[in-house]
Amino acid sequence: MSAHRDLRDRRLEAVQAWTAFVEHGDGAAERVRPEIFDSWQLSTNTVAPDLTEAPLADESDTAAYWRHSPLQTAVARIESELRRTAEDGDLVIAITDAETRILWTYGGRVMRRKAETVNFVPGGRWDEASVGTNALAIASRTGDPSMVFSAEHYASIVHNWVCWAAPVHDPLSGEQLGVIDLSTTWDRAHPIGLATARLMARLIETAMPTSRRSTGLAAIAPPDPGLTLSLLGTAEAWLDGQRLLLNRRQTEILALLAMHPNGLSLEHLHSLVYGDAAVTTSTLKAEVSHLRSALGGQLSSRPYRLTLPVATDIDEVQHLLRRGDVRSAVAAYGGDLLPGTNAPALVEMGDYLAVSMREALLADPDPEAVLRYSELAPYDTQVVEVCLAALGTRDHPARALLRGRLAVADR
């Protein structure tokens, strides 16, 4: 009861400060946080405080940008975690681009309806010039996590909200790609909200493709006909040079079918995907049906089997390791197999590949290969130490970089 009373008092203070600023233009600087007052000043020249909804960007442009964004790959990998967080906390979660245009949302039952009424949906523009002060805009502009409570929002349409946002960066280039925002009603505000937003931002960054720099552009289409799967450090499927738009579970099913070219029964595939989880076979059938449609019918049943040429980076890495070409194997190894997957068979294969790669480097610590590997596994210092020991006193251009890797890992 005391916590709720504190929130009510805090809301009243915010409303009084907002009213003083909107009606008189003064009397608020001492009553709100500096970042809120600064944002109010930015907002007042471009936004009416009584606007009714956020403006919408072009729907097709937004969808195309999302389809080719590395953020889409990352969100697909951790979508179950994001959805569970939204449902458990009755939140609406949003991912934006660098211009604070919403690209993706998912909401709990109550917040989903509230979000739709104010265009807190894909295509909605939530920069300060469009809707005034909000956590997404502040985090995007400043590059720091932000929380905006109730009437700290400049637009009155979201005075009943509390929002926490954190920037999301490309883990390779450091470029700020957008923000993730968690929003709910003001009376559900909790001190852990901002920490949760930071955690979710880091989770997205960890799930980002690592096999290429993220530029927001589509990857180069593979030249070979048939199905091409990139599953190591990324999650991309291509059919005859055209990227397939699949969810995380569908990509996992494709990976398992590619690993079993002779086919799998419904029951076997179900166990490989879900393990002991209480998921019905009808759920799996629905995912397979979608895949069959996406593949133009080239997925047979009884058993489930792909009936087209298939190439995967899993097979490529294993082939190179068997050939003893460790440097090429590391170059082809984009990272963990579908990071965050909970499909038992894929977890097992991912562990097998990671151990195989590590053992190959310990046996043949090629400096260039070890440097590349250390980008993917920066805290695996033993591989770097073995490489430096193998170099002995020989002068090698990679020595300084390897020592630098050790120094960073030891901090």
Protein backbone atom coordinates (compact mmCIF):
# COMPACT_ATOMS: atom_id res chain seq x y z
CA MET A 1 0.00 0.00 0.00
CA SER A 2 2.84 2.39 0.87
CA ALA A 3 4.53 1.78 -2.48
CA HIS A 4 1.32 2.57 -4.34
CA ARG A 5 0.86 5.74 -2.30
CA ASP A 6 4.41 6.77 -3.16
CA LEU A 7 3.65 6.26 -6.85
CA ARG A 8 0.48 8.35 -6.57
CA ASP A 9 2.42 11.16 -4.89
CA ARG A 10 5.11 10.97 -7.55
CA ARG A 11 2.48 11.09 -10.29
CA LEU A 12 0.83 14.15 -8.70
CA GLU A 13 4.19 15.94 -8.54
CA ALA A 14 4.84 15.15 -12.22
CA VAL A 15 1.40 16.40 -13.25
CA GLN A 16 1.87 19.66 -11.33
CA ALA A 17 5.29 20.25 -12.87
CA TRP A 18 4.00 19.45 -16.37
CA THR A 19 1.02 21.77 -15.95
CA ALA A 20 3.26 24.62 -14.80
CA PHE A 21 5.54 24.14 -17.79
CA VAL A 22 2.78 23.79 -20.41
CA GLU A 23 0.66 26.67 -19.10
CA HIS A 24 3.37 29.12 -18.02
CA GLY A 25 6.64 27.88 -19.49
CA ASP A 26 8.36 28.07 -16.13
CA GLY A 27 8.17 26.75 -12.61
CA ALA A 28 9.24 23.24 -13.61
CA ALA A 29 13.05 23.27 -13.82
CA GLU A 30 13.41 22.61 -10.10
CA ARG A 31 10.67 19.99 -9.98
CA VAL A 32 11.75 17.43 -12.60
CA ARG A 33 14.99 15.68 -13.52
CA PRO A 34 17.31 17.70 -15.79
CA GLU A 35 16.95 15.26 -18.70
CA ILE A 36 13.16 15.60 -18.54
CA PHE A 37 13.24 19.39 -18.46
CA ASP A 38 15.73 19.50 -21.34
CA SER A 39 13.46 17.23 -23.36
CA TRP A 40 10.40 19.31 -22.57
CA GLN A 41 12.20 22.35 -23.93
CA LEU A 42 13.06 20.46 -27.12
CA SER A 43 9.47 19.27 -27.45
CA THR A 44 7.64 22.53 -26.95
CA ASN A 45 8.67 23.96 -30.33
CA THR A 46 7.38 21.04 -32.42
CA VAL A 47 4.69 19.14 -30.52
CA ALA A 48 1.28 20.06 -29.12
CA PRO A 49 0.94 18.53 -25.65
CA ASP A 50 -2.61 17.42 -26.48
CA LEU A 51 -1.77 15.50 -29.66
CA THR A 52 -3.83 12.31 -29.95
CA GLU A 53 -1.44 9.81 -31.55
CA ALA A 54 2.06 9.39 -32.94
CA PRO A 55 2.53 9.97 -36.67
CA LEU A 56 3.04 6.86 -38.80
CA ALA A 57 5.83 6.23 -41.29
CA ASP A 58 5.18 4.39 -44.54
CA GLU A 59 4.14 0.82 -43.71
CA SER A 60 5.93 -0.87 -46.61
CA ASP A 61 9.16 1.06 -46.00
CA THR A 62 9.09 0.10 -42.32
CA ALA A 63 8.47 -3.56 -43.12
CA ALA A 64 11.27 -3.63 -45.70
CA TYR A 65 13.74 -2.02 -43.29
CA TRP A 66 12.84 -4.49 -40.55
CA ARG A 67 13.10 -7.45 -42.90
CA HIS A 68 16.72 -6.62 -43.75
CA SER A 69 17.83 -5.31 -40.36
CA PRO A 70 20.21 -7.27 -38.10
CA LEU A 71 17.79 -6.34 -35.32
CA GLN A 72 15.21 -8.62 -36.93
CA THR A 73 17.63 -11.55 -36.80
CA ALA A 74 18.43 -10.88 -33.15
CA VAL A 75 14.79 -10.48 -32.11
CA ALA A 76 13.84 -13.69 -33.93
CA ARG A 77 16.41 -15.55 -31.85
CA ILE A 78 15.17 -14.30 -28.49
CA GLU A 79 11.53 -13.69 -29.37
CA SER A 80 10.25 -16.21 -26.84
CA GLU A 81 12.13 -14.40 -24.04
CA LEU A 82 10.77 -11.02 -25.13
CA ARG A 83 7.21 -12.31 -25.38
CA ARG A 84 7.40 -14.01 -22.00
CA THR A 85 8.69 -10.79 -20.40
CA ALA A 86 5.86 -8.78 -21.96
CA GLU A 87 3.18 -11.25 -20.88
CA ASP A 88 4.50 -11.74 -17.33
CA GLY A 89 4.71 -8.00 -16.67
CA ASP A 90 1.78 -6.89 -18.86
CA LEU A 91 4.23 -4.75 -20.80
CA VAL A 92 4.40 -3.63 -24.37
CA ILE A 93 7.92 -4.07 -25.74
CA ALA A 94 9.09 -2.08 -28.74
CA ILE A 95 12.22 -2.15 -30.90
CA THR A 96 13.07 0.98 -32.91
CA ASP A 97 15.56 2.01 -35.56
CA ALA A 98 18.14 4.75 -35.02
CA GLU A 99 15.52 7.39 -35.87
CA THR A 100 13.16 6.12 -33.13
CA ARG A 101 10.73 4.65 -35.65
CA ILE A 102 9.14 1.54 -34.15
CA LEU A 103 9.99 -1.62 -36.10
CA TRP A 104 8.52 -4.36 -33.89
CA THR A 105 6.26 -4.61 -30.86
CA TYR A 106 4.72 -7.25 -28.67
CA GLY A 107 2.33 -6.55 -25.83
CA GLY A 108 0.51 -8.08 -22.92
CA ARG A 109 -3.27 -8.13 -23.10
CA VAL A 110 -3.97 -4.72 -21.52
CA MET A 111 -1.00 -2.77 -22.84
CA ARG A 112 -1.41 -4.05 -26.39
CA ARG A 113 -4.78 -2.31 -26.69
CA LYS A 114 -3.46 0.89 -25.09
CA ALA A 115 -0.48 0.91 -27.47
CA GLU A 116 -2.64 0.61 -30.57
CA THR A 117 -4.75 3.64 -29.64
CA VAL A 118 -1.70 5.96 -29.69
CA ASN A 119 0.17 4.36 -32.63
CA PHE A 120 2.74 2.69 -30.42
CA VAL A 121 2.97 0.16 -33.25
CA PRO A 122 5.37 -0.66 -36.11
CA GLY A 123 5.80 2.50 -38.17
CA GLY A 124 5.02 4.82 -35.25
CA ARG A 125 7.46 7.73 -34.93
CA TRP A 126 8.43 8.30 -31.30
CA ASP A 127 11.25 10.83 -31.61
CA GLU A 128 10.88 14.06 -29.64
CA ALA A 129 10.02 16.07 -32.74
CA SER A 130 7.04 13.77 -33.38
CA VAL A 131 5.56 13.07 -29.94
CA GLY A 132 7.69 14.95 -27.43
CA THR A 133 9.40 13.62 -24.33
CA ASN A 134 9.43 9.84 -23.91
CA ALA A 135 11.98 7.22 -22.87
CA LEU A 136 12.60 5.93 -26.41
CA ALA A 137 13.44 9.40 -27.70
CA ILE A 138 15.73 10.32 -24.80
CA ALA A 139 17.61 7.01 -24.97
CA SER A 140 17.99 7.34 -28.73
CA ARG A 141 19.20 10.95 -28.57
CA THR A 142 21.55 10.64 -25.60
CA GLY A 143 22.74 7.06 -26.01
CA ASP A 144 21.96 6.36 -22.34
CA PRO A 145 19.21 4.28 -20.74
CA SER A 146 16.16 6.36 -19.84
CA MET A 147 13.02 6.16 -17.72
CA VAL A 148 10.01 8.46 -18.16
CA PHE A 149 7.18 8.29 -15.64
CA SER A 150 3.59 9.43 -16.11
CA ALA A 151 3.32 13.21 -16.73
CA GLU A 152 7.06 13.43 -17.38
CA HIS A 153 5.91 12.52 -20.91
CA TYR A 154 5.27 15.72 -22.84
CA ALA A 155 2.18 14.37 -24.64
CA SER A 156 -0.78 13.83 -22.33
CA ILE A 157 -1.87 10.72 -24.26
CA VAL A 158 0.82 8.73 -22.42
CA HIS A 159 0.54 10.30 -18.97
CA ASN A 160 -0.82 6.98 -17.74
CA TRP A 161 2.36 5.17 -18.85
CA VAL A 162 5.79 4.49 -17.44
CA CYS A 163 8.50 3.63 -19.96
CA TRP A 164 12.05 2.31 -19.71
CA ALA A 165 14.36 2.32 -22.74
CA ALA A 166 17.96 1.37 -23.49
CA PRO A 167 20.05 1.77 -26.65
CA VAL A 168 20.96 -1.27 -28.75
CA HIS A 169 24.35 -1.28 -30.46
CA ASP A 170 26.01 -3.30 -33.20
CA PRO A 171 28.46 -5.43 -31.18
CA LEU A 172 31.06 -5.26 -33.97
CA SER A 173 31.03 -1.61 -35.04
CA GLY A 174 29.54 -0.02 -31.92
CA GLU A 175 26.95 1.76 -34.07
CA GLN A 176 23.71 2.56 -32.27
CA LEU A 177 21.03 0.69 -34.22
CA GLY A 178 18.00 1.69 -32.17
CA VAL A 179 16.48 1.23 -28.73
CA ILE A 180 14.38 -1.30 -26.87
CA ASP A 181 11.54 0.07 -24.77
CA LEU A 182 9.41 -1.54 -22.06
CA SER A 183 6.17 0.26 -21.21
CA THR A 184 3.29 -0.33 -18.82
CA THR A 185 0.83 1.72 -16.75
CA TRP A 186 2.29 4.17 -14.22
CA ASP A 187 0.88 2.28 -11.22
CA ARG A 188 3.01 -0.76 -12.18
CA ALA A 189 6.28 1.18 -12.08
CA HIS A 190 9.10 -0.75 -10.43
CA PRO A 191 12.73 0.12 -9.66
CA ILE A 192 13.91 -2.93 -11.63
CA GLY A 193 12.37 -1.61 -14.86
CA LEU A 194 15.44 0.24 -16.11
CA ALA A 195 17.75 -2.66 -15.29
CA THR A 196 15.43 -4.98 -17.22
CA ALA A 197 15.60 -2.69 -20.27
CA ARG A 198 19.40 -2.71 -20.08
CA LEU A 199 19.42 -6.49 -19.79
CA MET A 200 17.13 -6.90 -22.79
CA ALA A 201 19.32 -4.56 -24.84
CA ARG A 202 22.39 -6.66 -24.01
CA LEU A 203 20.47 -9.81 -24.86
CA ILE A 204 19.62 -8.43 -28.30
CA GLU A 205 23.24 -7.40 -28.87
CA THR A 206 24.41 -10.88 -27.92
CA ALA A 207 21.97 -12.41 -30.41
CA MET A 208 23.06 -10.10 -33.25
CA PRO A 209 24.68 -11.64 -36.33
CA THR A 210 28.47 -11.77 -35.90
CA SER A 211 29.45 -13.10 -39.31
CA ARG A 212 29.29 -9.67 -40.96
CA ARG A 213 29.04 -6.03 -39.97
CA SER A 214 25.49 -4.90 -39.38
CA THR A 215 24.57 -2.10 -41.75
CA GLY A 216 20.82 -2.44 -41.92
CA LEU A 217 21.15 -3.80 -45.46
CA ALA A 218 20.35 -7.27 -46.71
CA ALA A 219 23.12 -9.80 -46.77
CA ILE A 220 24.46 -10.79 -50.17
CA ALA A 221 22.28 -13.57 -51.53
CA PRO A 222 24.05 -16.93 -51.96
CA PRO A 223 24.62 -17.77 -55.64
CA ASP A 224 23.74 -21.47 -55.44
CA PRO A 225 20.22 -22.78 -56.14
CA GLY A 226 18.34 -24.63 -53.45
CA LEU A 227 18.20 -23.95 -49.73
CA THR A 228 21.09 -22.20 -47.98
CA LEU A 229 21.11 -21.98 -44.18
CA SER A 230 23.39 -19.69 -42.18
CA LEU A 231 23.01 -20.86 -38.60
CA LEU A 232 26.30 -20.06 -36.84
CA GLY A 233 26.14 -16.67 -35.17
CA THR A 234 23.15 -15.78 -37.32
CA ALA A 235 19.79 -17.18 -38.44
CA GLU A 236 19.20 -16.75 -42.15
CA ALA A 237 17.56 -19.00 -44.73
CA TRP A 238 17.70 -18.46 -48.47
CA LEU A 239 15.75 -20.24 -51.20
CA ASP A 240 17.19 -19.86 -54.70
CA GLY A 241 18.79 -16.57 -53.68
CA GLN A 242 15.69 -15.13 -51.99
CA ARG A 243 15.68 -14.68 -48.23
CA LEU A 244 12.94 -16.55 -46.39
CA LEU A 245 11.07 -14.75 -43.62
CA LEU A 246 10.83 -17.34 -40.87
CA ASN A 247 10.37 -17.23 -37.14
CA ARG A 248 12.90 -18.73 -34.76
CA ARG A 249 11.17 -22.09 -34.38
CA GLN A 250 10.76 -22.55 -38.12
CA THR A 251 14.48 -21.91 -38.61
CA GLU A 252 15.23 -24.50 -35.93
CA ILE A 253 13.05 -27.07 -37.71
CA LEU A 254 14.78 -26.38 -41.03
CA ALA A 255 18.16 -26.81 -39.35
CA LEU A 256 17.14 -30.18 -37.93
CA LEU A 257 15.76 -31.39 -41.24
CA ALA A 258 18.98 -30.32 -42.94
CA MET A 259 20.94 -32.31 -40.34
CA HIS A 260 18.81 -35.41 -41.10
CA PRO A 261 18.65 -35.69 -44.91
CA ASN A 262 16.94 -39.10 -44.73
CA GLY A 263 14.00 -37.55 -42.92
CA LEU A 264 12.37 -37.60 -39.50
CA SER A 265 9.08 -38.92 -38.21
CA LEU A 266 6.68 -36.49 -36.57
CA GLU A 267 7.46 -37.91 -33.14
CA HIS A 268 11.25 -37.85 -33.65
CA LEU A 269 11.23 -34.28 -34.95
CA HIS A 270 9.02 -33.24 -32.05
CA SER A 271 11.49 -34.65 -29.52
CA LEU A 272 14.45 -32.97 -31.24
CA VAL A 273 12.71 -29.58 -31.27
CA TYR A 274 10.80 -29.53 -27.97
CA GLY A 275 12.39 -32.22 -25.80
CA ASP A 276 10.13 -32.83 -22.79
CA ALA A 277 8.26 -29.53 -23.12
CA ALA A 278 4.45 -29.78 -23.08
CA VAL A 279 3.93 -28.79 -26.72
CA THR A 280 1.37 -30.59 -28.86
CA THR A 281 2.25 -32.23 -32.17
CA SER A 282 -0.37 -30.03 -33.82
CA THR A 283 1.81 -27.02 -33.01
CA LEU A 284 4.72 -28.66 -34.81
CA LYS A 285 2.48 -29.61 -37.75
CA ALA A 286 1.45 -25.96 -38.12
CA GLU A 287 5.10 -24.83 -38.24
CA VAL A 288 5.94 -27.53 -40.81
CA SER A 289 2.94 -26.50 -42.91
CA HIS A 290 4.25 -22.92 -43.00
CA LEU A 291 7.69 -24.16 -43.99
CA ARG A 292 6.28 -26.34 -46.77
CA SER A 293 4.50 -23.31 -48.19
CA ALA A 294 7.64 -21.14 -47.91
CA LEU A 295 9.67 -23.84 -49.71
CA GLY A 296 7.20 -24.18 -52.53
CA GLY A 297 6.15 -27.66 -51.43
CA GLN A 298 9.68 -29.06 -51.29
CA LEU A 299 9.20 -30.67 -47.89
CA SER A 300 7.71 -34.14 -47.92
CA SER A 301 5.88 -35.90 -45.07
CA ARG A 302 6.03 -39.42 -43.62
CA PRO A 303 8.84 -38.85 -42.95
CA TYR A 304 9.38 -35.11 -42.96
CA ARG A 305 12.23 -34.60 -45.42
CA LEU A 306 13.64 -31.74 -47.49
CA THR A 307 13.47 -32.57 -51.20
CA LEU A 308 15.81 -29.88 -52.55
CA PRO A 309 19.56 -29.25 -52.42
CA VAL A 310 20.62 -27.95 -48.98
CA ALA A 311 23.84 -26.21 -47.92
CA THR A 312 24.58 -25.16 -44.34
CA ASP A 313 27.50 -23.47 -42.61
CA ILE A 314 27.41 -26.34 -40.10
CA ASP A 315 28.38 -28.79 -42.84
CA GLU A 316 31.00 -26.38 -44.20
CA VAL A 317 32.74 -26.00 -40.82
CA GLN A 318 32.74 -29.75 -40.19
CA HIS A 319 34.13 -30.41 -43.66
CA LEU A 320 36.97 -27.93 -43.16
CA LEU A 321 37.83 -29.33 -39.73
CA ARG A 322 37.95 -32.88 -41.11
CA ARG A 323 40.28 -31.61 -43.83
CA GLY A 324 42.53 -30.00 -41.21
CA ASP A 325 42.02 -26.48 -42.59
CA VAL A 326 41.62 -24.79 -39.22
CA ARG A 327 42.01 -21.23 -40.49
CA SER A 328 39.23 -21.64 -43.06
CA ALA A 329 37.05 -23.44 -40.51
CA VAL A 330 37.33 -20.53 -38.09
CA ALA A 331 36.55 -18.08 -40.90
CA ALA A 332 33.39 -20.05 -41.70
CA TYR A 333 32.42 -20.34 -38.03
CA GLY A 334 30.22 -17.33 -37.38
CA GLY A 335 29.64 -18.12 -33.72
CA ASP A 336 27.35 -20.26 -31.58
CA LEU A 337 24.71 -22.35 -33.33
CA LEU A 338 21.45 -20.36 -33.12
CA PRO A 339 22.38 -18.67 -29.82
CA GLY A 340 19.69 -19.05 -27.19
CA THR A 341 18.03 -22.05 -28.81
CA ASN A 342 16.40 -24.50 -26.43
CA ALA A 343 15.91 -27.28 -29.00
CA PRO A 344 17.82 -30.17 -27.39
CA ALA A 345 19.34 -31.50 -30.61
CA LEU A 346 20.58 -28.06 -31.64
CA VAL A 347 22.04 -27.34 -28.19
CA GLU A 348 23.95 -30.62 -28.46
CA MET A 349 25.19 -29.88 -31.97
CA GLY A 350 26.19 -26.35 -30.95
CA ASP A 351 28.24 -27.69 -28.05
CA TYR A 352 29.85 -30.29 -30.32
CA LEU A 353 30.89 -27.66 -32.87
CA ALA A 354 32.20 -25.25 -30.22
CA VAL A 355 34.31 -27.97 -28.58
CA SER A 356 35.54 -29.23 -31.96
CA MET A 357 36.62 -25.73 -32.97
CA ARG A 358 38.39 -25.13 -29.68
CA GLU A 359 40.20 -28.46 -29.72
CA ALA A 360 41.33 -27.90 -33.30
CA LEU A 361 42.83 -24.53 -32.33
CA LEU A 362 44.56 -25.97 -29.28
CA ALA A 363 46.12 -28.60 -31.52
CA ASP A 364 47.00 -26.16 -34.31
CA PRO A 365 47.06 -22.60 -32.85
CA ASP A 366 47.39 -20.67 -36.09
CA PRO A 367 47.72 -17.01 -34.97
CA GLU A 368 45.30 -15.58 -37.56
CA ALA A 369 42.73 -18.24 -36.75
CA VAL A 370 43.13 -17.67 -33.01
CA LEU A 371 42.63 -13.92 -33.46
CA ARG A 372 39.41 -14.53 -35.36
CA TYR A 373 38.25 -17.06 -32.77
CA SER A 374 39.01 -14.64 -29.93
CA GLU A 375 36.53 -12.18 -31.44
CA LEU A 376 33.82 -14.82 -31.06
CA ALA A 377 34.98 -16.17 -27.68
CA PRO A 378 36.81 -13.24 -26.03
CA TYR A 379 37.05 -14.92 -22.61
CA ASP A 380 38.56 -18.20 -23.80
CA THR A 381 42.04 -17.14 -22.78
CA GLN A 382 43.55 -20.64 -22.87
CA VAL A 383 43.48 -20.74 -26.68
CA VAL A 384 45.27 -17.38 -26.84
CA GLU A 385 47.83 -18.45 -24.24
CA VAL A 386 48.58 -21.68 -26.13
CA CYS A 387 49.04 -19.69 -29.33
CA LEU A 388 51.47 -17.26 -27.69
CA ALA A 389 53.39 -20.18 -26.20
CA ALA A 390 53.64 -21.82 -29.63
CA LEU A 391 55.03 -18.58 -31.10
CA GLY A 392 57.81 -18.67 -28.52
CA THR A 393 60.26 -15.86 -29.18
CA ARG A 394 59.43 -15.64 -32.87
CA ASP A 395 58.45 -12.21 -34.12
CA HIS A 396 54.90 -12.29 -35.48
CA PRO A 397 52.55 -9.40 -36.35
CA ALA A 398 49.72 -11.07 -34.43
CA ARG A 399 51.64 -11.19 -31.14
CA ALA A 400 50.66 -7.69 -29.97
CA LEU A 401 47.01 -8.27 -30.85
CA LEU A 402 46.97 -11.57 -29.01
CA ARG A 403 48.47 -9.97 -25.91
CA GLY A 404 45.87 -7.25 -26.18
CA ARG A 405 43.13 -9.87 -26.21
CA LEU A 406 44.52 -11.35 -23.01
CA ALA A 407 44.72 -7.97 -21.32
CA VAL A 408 41.11 -7.13 -22.15
CA ALA A 409 39.85 -10.54 -21.00
CA ASP A 410 41.68 -10.20 -17.67
CA ARG A 411 40.08 -6.88 -16.73
